[in-house]
Amino acid sequence: MSSSHEYRESQRFPIPKLDAAGKNWSVWKFRVELNLGTKGLMEHVYGTKLEPTNPASSHSPAWIPTTPAKIQAQEDYKREHAEWEKNDHIARQQICWTIPNSLIHHLMQKSTAAEYYKTLKELFKGRSFVVTLECRRQLSKMKLKDNGDACAHLDKMTAI
C-alpha cells in the first residue's frame, strides 16, 4: 500500500483529536486501535512486534559476514528492520496526528509506537475515574424538556 493511499485513508476516516484532559480517551483509544488494526500495526502499539535483532550484534564491530548463510542472514535482517521501522513510524505518526500539541512533549523522548502508547495510557489511566464522575454528574443534571425531542435527548445522553 502506498503512503499516499494511507494518507487518503486516514483523511477519509479521521480520528478526532484526543482531548488534552483525556475526556474522550476511551473513544480515542478505540478508534486508534481500530485504525491501526486495519493496517496490521497493533503489534507495534502493544510492543509485541519486536525490532529485529542484527545478527552482527553478537560479533565484534569489525565482523564481516563471509559465508552465504551469514550474508543472507544480514540481508534478511536489513529488509526486516526496514519494514519494522517503516511500520513503527506509521503507527507513531497516526498517534501524533491525533493528539494535541500539549501532549506531544510527553512523547518526544520516546522512540517506538509502543512507548508512545504506554506513555499516553499512563497519563490517562488515573484520569478515567475523574472523567467518569464528571460524566455521571452531567447525566444526573439532564432532563428532557416538555415537548422536547426524546431521540435527540437520548443521543446527547449516549454521547456523554
C-alpha atoms as a PDB file:
ATOM      1  CA  MET A   1       0.000   0.000   0.000  1.00  0.00           C
ATOM      2  CA  SER A   2       1.437   3.359  -0.943  1.00  0.00           C
ATOM      3  CA  SER A   3       1.920   6.062   1.636  1.00  0.00           C
ATOM      4  CA  SER A   4      -0.304   8.445  -0.349  1.00  0.00           C
ATOM      5  CA  HIS A   5      -3.079   5.835  -0.203  1.00  0.00           C
ATOM      6  CA  GLU A   6      -2.585   5.508   3.577  1.00  0.00           C
ATOM      7  CA  TYR A   7      -2.767   9.286   3.896  1.00  0.00           C
ATOM      8  CA  ARG A   8      -6.029   9.409   1.912  1.00  0.00           C
ATOM      9  CA  GLU A   9      -7.474   6.628   4.069  1.00  0.00           C
ATOM     10  CA  SER A  10      -6.577   8.469   7.275  1.00  0.00           C
ATOM     11  CA  GLN A  11      -8.282  11.583   5.900  1.00  0.00           C
ATOM     12  CA  ARG A  12     -11.371   9.637   4.836  1.00  0.00           C
ATOM     13  CA  PHE A  13     -11.797   8.152   8.302  1.00  0.00           C
ATOM     14  CA  PRO A  14     -10.499  10.932  10.536  1.00  0.00           C
ATOM     15  CA  ILE A  15      -9.923  10.254  14.199  1.00  0.00           C
ATOM     16  CA  PRO A  16     -10.887  13.188  16.397  1.00  0.00           C
ATOM     17  CA  LYS A  17      -8.020  14.598  18.432  1.00  0.00           C
ATOM     18  CA  LEU A  18      -7.556  13.257  21.906  1.00  0.00           C
ATOM     19  CA  ASP A  19      -8.715  15.831  24.439  1.00  0.00           C
ATOM     20  CA  ALA A  20      -5.752  17.126  26.437  1.00  0.00           C
ATOM     21  CA  ALA A  21      -7.607  16.318  29.661  1.00  0.00           C
ATOM     22  CA  GLY A  22      -8.458  12.827  28.421  1.00  0.00           C
ATOM     23  CA  LYS A  23     -12.223  13.319  28.358  1.00  0.00           C
ATOM     24  CA  ASN A  24     -12.508  11.265  25.156  1.00  0.00           C
ATOM     25  CA  TRP A  25      -9.709   8.794  25.985  1.00  0.00           C
ATOM     26  CA  SER A  26     -11.773   5.609  25.671  1.00  0.00           C
ATOM     27  CA  VAL A  27     -13.299   6.612  22.319  1.00  0.00           C
ATOM     28  CA  TRP A  28      -9.947   7.872  21.002  1.00  0.00           C
ATOM     29  CA  LYS A  29      -8.214   4.655  22.106  1.00  0.00           C
ATOM     30  CA  PHE A  30     -10.884   2.518  20.446  1.00  0.00           C
ATOM     31  CA  ARG A  31     -10.652   4.436  17.159  1.00  0.00           C
ATOM     32  CA  VAL A  32      -6.849   4.476  17.064  1.00  0.00           C
ATOM     33  CA  GLU A  33      -6.726   0.740  17.767  1.00  0.00           C
ATOM     34  CA  LEU A  34      -9.320   0.097  15.062  1.00  0.00           C
ATOM     35  CA  ASN A  35      -7.441   2.255  12.560  1.00  0.00           C
ATOM     36  CA  LEU A  36      -4.045   0.744  13.290  1.00  0.00           C
ATOM     37  CA  GLY A  37      -5.531  -2.745  13.426  1.00  0.00           C
ATOM     38  CA  THR A  38      -6.812  -2.420   9.861  1.00  0.00           C
ATOM     39  CA  LYS A  39      -3.231  -1.625   8.846  1.00  0.00           C
ATOM     40  CA  GLY A  40      -1.816  -4.597  10.764  1.00  0.00           C
ATOM     41  CA  LEU A  41       0.091  -2.345  13.157  1.00  0.00           C
ATOM     42  CA  MET A  42      -1.350  -3.196  16.575  1.00  0.00           C
ATOM     43  CA  GLU A  43       1.652  -5.377  17.431  1.00  0.00           C
ATOM     44  CA  HIS A  44       3.774  -2.223  17.190  1.00  0.00           C
ATOM     45  CA  VAL A  45       1.446  -0.353  19.548  1.00  0.00           C
ATOM     46  CA  TYR A  46       1.259  -3.227  22.041  1.00  0.00           C
ATOM     47  CA  GLY A  47       5.021  -3.814  21.832  1.00  0.00           C
ATOM     48  CA  THR A  48       4.679  -7.432  20.718  1.00  0.00           C
ATOM     49  CA  LYS A  49       6.279  -6.859  17.307  1.00  0.00           C
ATOM     50  CA  LEU A  50       9.870  -6.547  18.430  1.00  0.00           C
ATOM     51  CA  GLU A  51      12.570  -4.793  16.496  1.00  0.00           C
ATOM     52  CA  PRO A  52      14.605  -7.424  14.612  1.00  0.00           C
ATOM     53  CA  THR A  53      17.979  -8.298  16.104  1.00  0.00           C
ATOM     54  CA  ASN A  54      21.018  -7.669  13.979  1.00  0.00           C
ATOM     55  CA  PRO A  55      22.988 -10.908  13.548  1.00  0.00           C
ATOM     56  CA  ALA A  56      26.180  -8.828  13.712  1.00  0.00           C
ATOM     57  CA  SER A  57      25.349  -7.688  17.257  1.00  0.00           C
ATOM     58  CA  SER A  58      26.815 -10.879  18.737  1.00  0.00           C
ATOM     59  CA  HIS A  59      30.151 -10.283  16.986  1.00  0.00           C
ATOM     60  CA  SER A  60      32.909  -7.705  17.224  1.00  0.00           C
ATOM     61  CA  PRO A  61      32.341  -4.367  15.424  1.00  0.00           C
ATOM     62  CA  ALA A  62      34.849  -5.411  12.737  1.00  0.00           C
ATOM     63  CA  TRP A  63      32.904  -8.609  11.925  1.00  0.00           C
ATOM     64  CA  ILE A  64      32.048  -9.158   8.270  1.00  0.00           C
ATOM     65  CA  PRO A  65      29.691 -11.939   7.139  1.00  0.00           C
ATOM     66  CA  THR A  66      31.668 -14.326   4.952  1.00  0.00           C
ATOM     67  CA  THR A  67      29.527 -17.436   4.448  1.00  0.00           C
ATOM     68  CA  PRO A  68      26.450 -17.436   2.205  1.00  0.00           C
ATOM     69  CA  ALA A  69      24.228 -18.175   5.236  1.00  0.00           C
ATOM     70  CA  LYS A  70      25.664 -15.237   7.205  1.00  0.00           C
ATOM     71  CA  ILE A  71      25.387 -12.920   4.218  1.00  0.00           C
ATOM     72  CA  GLN A  72      21.750 -13.986   3.731  1.00  0.00           C
ATOM     73  CA  ALA A  73      21.025 -13.504   7.447  1.00  0.00           C
ATOM     74  CA  GLN A  74      22.443  -9.971   7.282  1.00  0.00           C
ATOM     75  CA  GLU A  75      20.377  -9.153   4.157  1.00  0.00           C
ATOM     76  CA  ASP A  76      17.233 -10.599   5.761  1.00  0.00           C
ATOM     77  CA  TYR A  77      17.869  -8.504   8.851  1.00  0.00           C
ATOM     78  CA  LYS A  78      18.257  -5.294   6.819  1.00  0.00           C
ATOM     79  CA  ARG A  79      14.997  -5.957   4.948  1.00  0.00           C
ATOM     80  CA  GLU A  80      13.053  -6.945   8.106  1.00  0.00           C
ATOM     81  CA  HIS A  81      14.427  -3.985  10.058  1.00  0.00           C
ATOM     82  CA  ALA A  82      13.468  -1.527   7.301  1.00  0.00           C
ATOM     83  CA  GLU A  83       9.918  -2.953   7.262  1.00  0.00           C
ATOM     84  CA  TRP A  84       9.677  -2.879  11.066  1.00  0.00           C
ATOM     85  CA  GLU A  85      10.947   0.713  11.188  1.00  0.00           C
ATOM     86  CA  LYS A  86       8.531   1.875   8.464  1.00  0.00           C
ATOM     87  CA  ASN A  87       5.536   0.311  10.226  1.00  0.00           C
ATOM     88  CA  ASP A  88       6.564   1.681  13.611  1.00  0.00           C
ATOM     89  CA  HIS A  89       6.843   5.164  12.082  1.00  0.00           C
ATOM     90  CA  ILE A  90       3.347   4.827  10.589  1.00  0.00           C
ATOM     91  CA  ALA A  91       1.926   3.848  13.993  1.00  0.00           C
ATOM     92  CA  ARG A  92       3.730   6.726  15.738  1.00  0.00           C
ATOM     93  CA  GLN A  93       2.562   9.146  13.062  1.00  0.00           C
ATOM     94  CA  GLN A  94      -1.072   8.044  13.482  1.00  0.00           C
ATOM     95  CA  ILE A  95      -0.838   8.645  17.217  1.00  0.00           C
ATOM     96  CA  CYS A  96       0.831  12.058  16.812  1.00  0.00           C
ATOM     97  CA  TRP A  97      -1.711  13.224  14.223  1.00  0.00           C
ATOM     98  CA  THR A  98      -4.487  12.585  16.693  1.00  0.00           C
ATOM     99  CA  ILE A  99      -3.208  14.187  19.874  1.00  0.00           C
ATOM    100  CA  PRO A 100      -2.965  17.874  20.765  1.00  0.00           C
ATOM    101  CA  ASN A 101       0.376  19.643  20.749  1.00  0.00           C
ATOM    102  CA  SER A 102       0.210  19.896  24.529  1.00  0.00           C
ATOM    103  CA  LEU A 103       0.683  16.106  24.758  1.00  0.00           C
ATOM    104  CA  ILE A 104       3.424  15.800  22.133  1.00  0.00           C
ATOM    105  CA  HIS A 105       6.168  16.797  24.574  1.00  0.00           C
ATOM    106  CA  HIS A 106       5.418  13.646  26.602  1.00  0.00           C
ATOM    107  CA  LEU A 107       6.364  11.553  23.553  1.00  0.00           C
ATOM    108  CA  MET A 108       9.356  13.411  22.182  1.00  0.00           C
ATOM    109  CA  GLN A 109      11.931  11.334  24.082  1.00  0.00           C
ATOM    110  CA  LYS A 110      10.223   8.032  23.186  1.00  0.00           C
ATOM    111  CA  SER A 111      11.406   6.001  20.222  1.00  0.00           C
ATOM    112  CA  THR A 112       8.709   3.407  19.454  1.00  0.00           C
ATOM    113  CA  ALA A 113       4.956   3.288  18.959  1.00  0.00           C
ATOM    114  CA  ALA A 114       4.706   1.006  21.988  1.00  0.00           C
ATOM    115  CA  GLU A 115       6.426   3.649  24.137  1.00  0.00           C
ATOM    116  CA  TYR A 116       4.095   6.345  22.783  1.00  0.00           C
ATOM    117  CA  TYR A 117       1.010   4.291  23.551  1.00  0.00           C
ATOM    118  CA  LYS A 118       2.218   3.210  27.001  1.00  0.00           C
ATOM    119  CA  THR A 119       3.006   6.832  27.889  1.00  0.00           C
ATOM    120  CA  LEU A 120      -0.479   8.003  26.887  1.00  0.00           C
ATOM    121  CA  LYS A 121      -2.132   5.130  28.757  1.00  0.00           C
ATOM    122  CA  GLU A 122      -0.163   6.037  31.881  1.00  0.00           C
ATOM    123  CA  LEU A 123      -1.157   9.696  31.521  1.00  0.00           C
ATOM    124  CA  PHE A 124      -4.857   8.903  31.327  1.00  0.00           C
ATOM    125  CA  LYS A 125      -5.338   5.825  33.492  1.00  0.00           C
ATOM    126  CA  GLY A 126      -5.774   7.928  36.625  1.00  0.00           C
ATOM    127  CA  ARG A 127      -7.982  10.457  34.881  1.00  0.00           C
ATOM    128  CA  SER A 128     -10.564   7.890  33.790  1.00  0.00           C
ATOM    129  CA  PHE A 129     -12.180   7.880  37.216  1.00  0.00           C
ATOM    130  CA  VAL A 130     -12.436  11.684  37.317  1.00  0.00           C
ATOM    131  CA  VAL A 131     -13.873  11.759  33.786  1.00  0.00           C
ATOM    132  CA  THR A 132     -16.418   9.082  34.745  1.00  0.00           C
ATOM    133  CA  LEU A 133     -17.541  11.115  37.747  1.00  0.00           C
ATOM    134  CA  GLU A 134     -17.928  14.234  35.601  1.00  0.00           C
ATOM    135  CA  CYS A 135     -19.997  12.306  33.047  1.00  0.00           C
ATOM    136  CA  ARG A 136     -22.254  10.943  35.778  1.00  0.00           C
ATOM    137  CA  ARG A 137     -22.713  14.461  37.123  1.00  0.00           C
ATOM    138  CA  GLN A 138     -23.686  15.743  33.670  1.00  0.00           C
ATOM    139  CA  LEU A 139     -26.112  12.863  33.140  1.00  0.00           C
ATOM    140  CA  SER A 140     -27.794  13.412  36.504  1.00  0.00           C
ATOM    141  CA  LYS A 141     -28.497  17.060  35.604  1.00  0.00           C
ATOM    142  CA  MET A 142     -30.031  16.261  32.210  1.00  0.00           C
ATOM    143  CA  LYS A 143     -33.782  16.433  31.870  1.00  0.00           C
ATOM    144  CA  LEU A 144     -35.980  16.076  28.813  1.00  0.00           C
ATOM    145  CA  LYS A 145     -37.744  19.380  28.218  1.00  0.00           C
ATOM    146  CA  ASP A 146     -41.516  19.466  27.808  1.00  0.00           C
ATOM    147  CA  ASN A 147     -42.288  18.643  24.172  1.00  0.00           C
ATOM    148  CA  GLY A 148     -38.548  18.005  23.685  1.00  0.00           C
ATOM    149  CA  ASP A 149     -37.138  15.621  21.125  1.00  0.00           C
ATOM    150  CA  ALA A 150     -36.648  12.346  23.029  1.00  0.00           C
ATOM    151  CA  CYS A 151     -34.368  10.883  20.344  1.00  0.00           C
ATOM    152  CA  ALA A 152     -32.081  13.920  20.405  1.00  0.00           C
ATOM    153  CA  HIS A 153     -32.068  13.809  24.210  1.00  0.00           C
ATOM    154  CA  LEU A 154     -31.086  10.127  24.204  1.00  0.00           C
ATOM    155  CA  ASP A 155     -28.395  10.774  21.596  1.00  0.00           C
ATOM    156  CA  LYS A 156     -26.942  13.523  23.802  1.00  0.00           C
ATOM    157  CA  MET A 157     -27.023  11.213  26.828  1.00  0.00           C
ATOM    158  CA  THR A 158     -25.326   8.453  24.855  1.00  0.00           C
ATOM    159  CA  ALA A 159     -22.615  10.841  23.699  1.00  0.00           C
ATOM    160  CA  ILE A 160     -21.860  11.747  27.311  1.00  0.00           C
END
